[in-house]
Amino acid sequence: MHIPALATFARGHPKLAGQSVWLPIAVILGALLCPPLQASEVGDNAKSNATSVSQADIPWMSGGIGEEARDEMRKAASSYNVHIVFSNRQGSYLADIPFAVAGRDGRQIISGVSEGPLLYVKLPPAVYRISAQIDGAWQHRRIQAGTTGRPLRMGFVSRGE
C-alpha cells in the first residue's frame, strides 16, 4: 500500500529519507494515531442536516427530517436566498434527492444530494438552472436569484405515484 502523504513525510524527514524500513513504520504509526471513522445509525443521520463543503464558494444546507432538524433549518433560513422543497404529489416530503445548480452558461457550479426535503442555497444575483433528480428523472427550473431581497421559494414534485 502506498500512501503519498506519508511517503512525502518520510522523504522530507532527515532521519527517514533513504531508509525504506522506516516507511512501513511511519504508515503504521500514522494509522494508529488517526481517530477511527465510525458510522452513525440511520436514525441519527435522518435527524441531522447537511451543510455544504465549499464548492465554488456557494454555501448550501439540506435536511429538515424531524422536528429538531426542521427547527435548525428554519433558524438558518435567512442566510440563504433560494429555498427548495422536495415532495410527492400527495404532499409527503422526499429525501436523498440529487441536485445541481448551473450558471446561465450551463456550467455546473454546485451539486450534491439533499439529505432531506429542504434545500437552502445562497446564490449571488444571476440567472441559474436548478435541477433535481426525482424518481430517476431530472427536472429543471430556470430562476433569477437575489433580485427581490426576499428568498426565492420553489418546489420539485415527484411526477410518479
Protein backbone atom coordinates (compact mmCIF):
# COMPACT_ATOMS: atom_id res chain seq x y z
CA MET A 1 0.00 0.00 0.00
CA HIS A 2 1.35 3.41 -0.97
CA ILE A 3 0.18 6.48 0.96
CA PRO A 4 1.52 9.61 -0.79
CA ALA A 5 1.31 11.93 2.24
CA LEU A 6 3.30 9.55 4.44
CA ALA A 7 5.79 8.82 1.67
CA THR A 8 6.33 12.56 1.25
CA PHE A 9 6.73 12.91 5.02
CA ALA A 10 9.30 10.11 5.10
CA ARG A 11 11.29 11.58 2.18
CA GLY A 12 11.33 15.03 3.78
CA HIS A 13 12.29 13.80 7.22
CA PRO A 14 16.10 13.71 7.59
CA LYS A 15 16.16 10.51 9.67
CA LEU A 16 13.68 8.68 7.43
CA ALA A 17 14.96 9.76 4.00
CA GLY A 18 16.52 6.90 2.07
CA GLN A 19 15.58 4.33 4.68
CA SER A 20 12.77 2.20 3.29
CA VAL A 21 12.49 0.32 6.60
CA TRP A 22 11.01 3.40 8.23
CA LEU A 23 8.20 3.91 5.72
CA PRO A 24 6.10 0.93 6.89
CA ILE A 25 6.63 2.02 10.49
CA ALA A 26 5.54 5.56 9.61
CA VAL A 27 2.44 4.15 7.91
CA ILE A 28 1.54 2.04 10.94
CA LEU A 29 2.11 4.95 13.33
CA GLY A 30 0.00 7.21 11.12
CA ALA A 31 -2.83 4.68 11.12
CA LEU A 32 -2.66 4.26 14.90
CA LEU A 33 -2.64 7.99 15.56
CA CYS A 34 -5.63 8.76 13.30
CA PRO A 35 -9.02 8.60 15.01
CA PRO A 36 -11.20 5.77 13.74
CA LEU A 37 -14.10 6.59 11.42
CA GLN A 38 -17.40 5.44 12.84
CA ALA A 39 -20.67 5.09 11.03
CA SER A 40 -23.72 6.62 12.68
CA GLU A 41 -27.00 4.81 12.87
CA VAL A 42 -29.52 5.69 10.18
CA GLY A 43 -31.84 7.22 12.77
CA ASP A 44 -29.14 9.68 13.85
CA ASN A 45 -28.41 10.72 10.27
CA ALA A 46 -32.07 11.20 9.43
CA LYS A 47 -32.44 13.81 12.17
CA SER A 48 -29.43 15.92 11.23
CA ASN A 49 -28.89 18.47 8.49
CA ALA A 50 -26.06 18.64 5.98
CA THR A 51 -24.17 21.78 5.07
CA SER A 52 -22.00 22.23 2.02
CA VAL A 53 -18.31 21.85 1.75
CA SER A 54 -17.09 24.89 -0.12
CA GLN A 55 -17.85 24.35 -3.81
CA ALA A 56 -17.17 27.47 -5.80
CA ASP A 57 -17.97 29.44 -2.64
CA ILE A 58 -21.71 28.66 -2.91
CA PRO A 59 -23.00 27.61 0.53
CA TRP A 60 -25.98 25.31 0.82
CA MET A 61 -27.78 23.41 3.57
CA SER A 62 -30.15 20.45 3.34
CA GLY A 63 -32.18 18.39 5.76
CA GLY A 64 -35.32 19.03 7.71
CA ILE A 65 -36.16 15.46 8.70
CA GLY A 66 -37.53 15.51 12.23
CA GLU A 67 -38.69 18.42 14.33
CA GLU A 68 -35.25 19.36 15.69
CA ALA A 69 -33.65 19.36 12.23
CA ARG A 70 -36.57 21.36 10.79
CA ASP A 71 -36.18 23.97 13.57
CA GLU A 72 -32.45 24.23 12.81
CA MET A 73 -33.24 24.76 9.12
CA ARG A 74 -35.79 27.49 9.96
CA LYS A 75 -33.24 29.31 12.11
CA ALA A 76 -30.67 29.25 9.29
CA ALA A 77 -33.15 30.11 6.50
CA SER A 78 -32.43 33.85 6.49
CA SER A 79 -28.82 33.16 5.45
CA TYR A 80 -29.95 31.59 2.15
CA ASN A 81 -31.76 33.24 -0.75
CA VAL A 82 -33.11 30.14 -2.53
CA HIS A 83 -35.39 27.76 -0.60
CA ILE A 84 -36.35 24.47 -2.28
CA VAL A 85 -38.79 21.79 -1.07
CA PHE A 86 -38.93 18.23 -2.45
CA SER A 87 -42.25 16.36 -2.21
CA ASN A 88 -44.51 13.88 -3.93
CA ARG A 89 -47.96 14.64 -5.38
CA GLN A 90 -49.67 13.83 -2.09
CA GLY A 91 -47.50 16.40 -0.28
CA SER A 92 -45.24 13.93 1.52
CA TYR A 93 -41.66 15.10 1.76
CA LEU A 94 -38.83 13.42 -0.15
CA ALA A 95 -35.19 12.95 0.91
CA ASP A 96 -31.88 11.90 -0.68
CA ILE A 97 -32.54 13.94 -3.81
CA PRO A 98 -29.56 14.60 -6.12
CA PHE A 99 -29.43 18.25 -7.23
CA ALA A 100 -27.29 20.56 -9.33
CA VAL A 101 -27.05 24.29 -9.92
CA ALA A 102 -25.69 25.65 -13.19
CA GLY A 103 -24.99 29.21 -14.27
CA ARG A 104 -26.51 30.91 -17.28
CA ASP A 105 -23.70 29.49 -19.43
CA GLY A 106 -24.74 25.95 -18.47
CA ARG A 107 -21.60 25.27 -16.43
CA GLN A 108 -22.39 23.42 -13.19
CA ILE A 109 -21.33 25.40 -10.12
CA ILE A 110 -22.54 23.07 -7.35
CA SER A 111 -24.06 19.65 -6.98
CA GLY A 112 -24.92 17.37 -4.13
CA VAL A 113 -27.61 15.27 -2.52
CA SER A 114 -30.27 16.91 -0.37
CA GLU A 115 -30.48 14.74 2.73
CA GLY A 116 -33.99 15.93 3.48
CA PRO A 117 -36.95 17.68 1.91
CA LEU A 118 -35.49 21.17 2.44
CA LEU A 119 -32.59 22.59 0.45
CA TYR A 120 -31.35 26.13 1.03
CA VAL A 121 -28.77 27.69 -1.30
CA LYS A 122 -27.06 31.09 -1.16
CA LEU A 123 -26.51 32.28 -4.73
CA PRO A 124 -25.15 35.60 -5.99
CA PRO A 125 -27.66 37.61 -8.05
CA ALA A 126 -27.90 36.00 -11.52
CA VAL A 127 -29.88 33.55 -13.64
CA TYR A 128 -29.43 29.86 -12.76
CA ARG A 129 -30.71 26.45 -13.76
CA ILE A 130 -31.67 24.34 -10.74
CA SER A 131 -32.02 20.60 -11.39
CA ALA A 132 -33.22 17.75 -9.18
CA GLN A 133 -33.43 14.04 -9.86
CA ILE A 134 -36.69 12.57 -8.60
CA ASP A 135 -37.88 9.07 -9.49
CA GLY A 136 -34.89 8.62 -11.80
CA ALA A 137 -35.74 11.63 -13.99
CA TRP A 138 -34.14 15.06 -13.90
CA GLN A 139 -36.42 18.07 -13.53
CA HIS A 140 -35.10 21.56 -14.32
CA ARG A 141 -36.13 25.10 -13.36
CA ARG A 142 -34.65 28.39 -14.51
CA ILE A 143 -34.55 31.01 -11.75
CA GLN A 144 -33.40 34.57 -11.14
CA ALA A 145 -31.75 34.67 -7.69
CA GLY A 146 -31.07 37.59 -5.44
CA THR A 147 -33.10 40.37 -7.03
CA THR A 148 -36.01 40.93 -4.61
CA GLY A 149 -34.31 40.93 -1.22
CA ARG A 150 -36.53 38.01 -0.20
CA PRO A 151 -35.77 34.32 -0.60
CA LEU A 152 -36.94 32.65 -3.78
CA ARG A 153 -39.15 29.70 -2.82
CA MET A 154 -39.67 26.79 -5.17
CA GLY A 155 -40.50 23.12 -5.16
CA PHE A 156 -39.81 19.98 -7.08
CA VAL A 157 -42.67 17.44 -7.07
CA SER A 158 -42.45 13.78 -7.96
CA ARG A 159 -44.29 13.04 -11.19
CA GLY A 160 -44.89 9.43 -10.14
CA GLU A 161 -47.43 7.99 -7.73
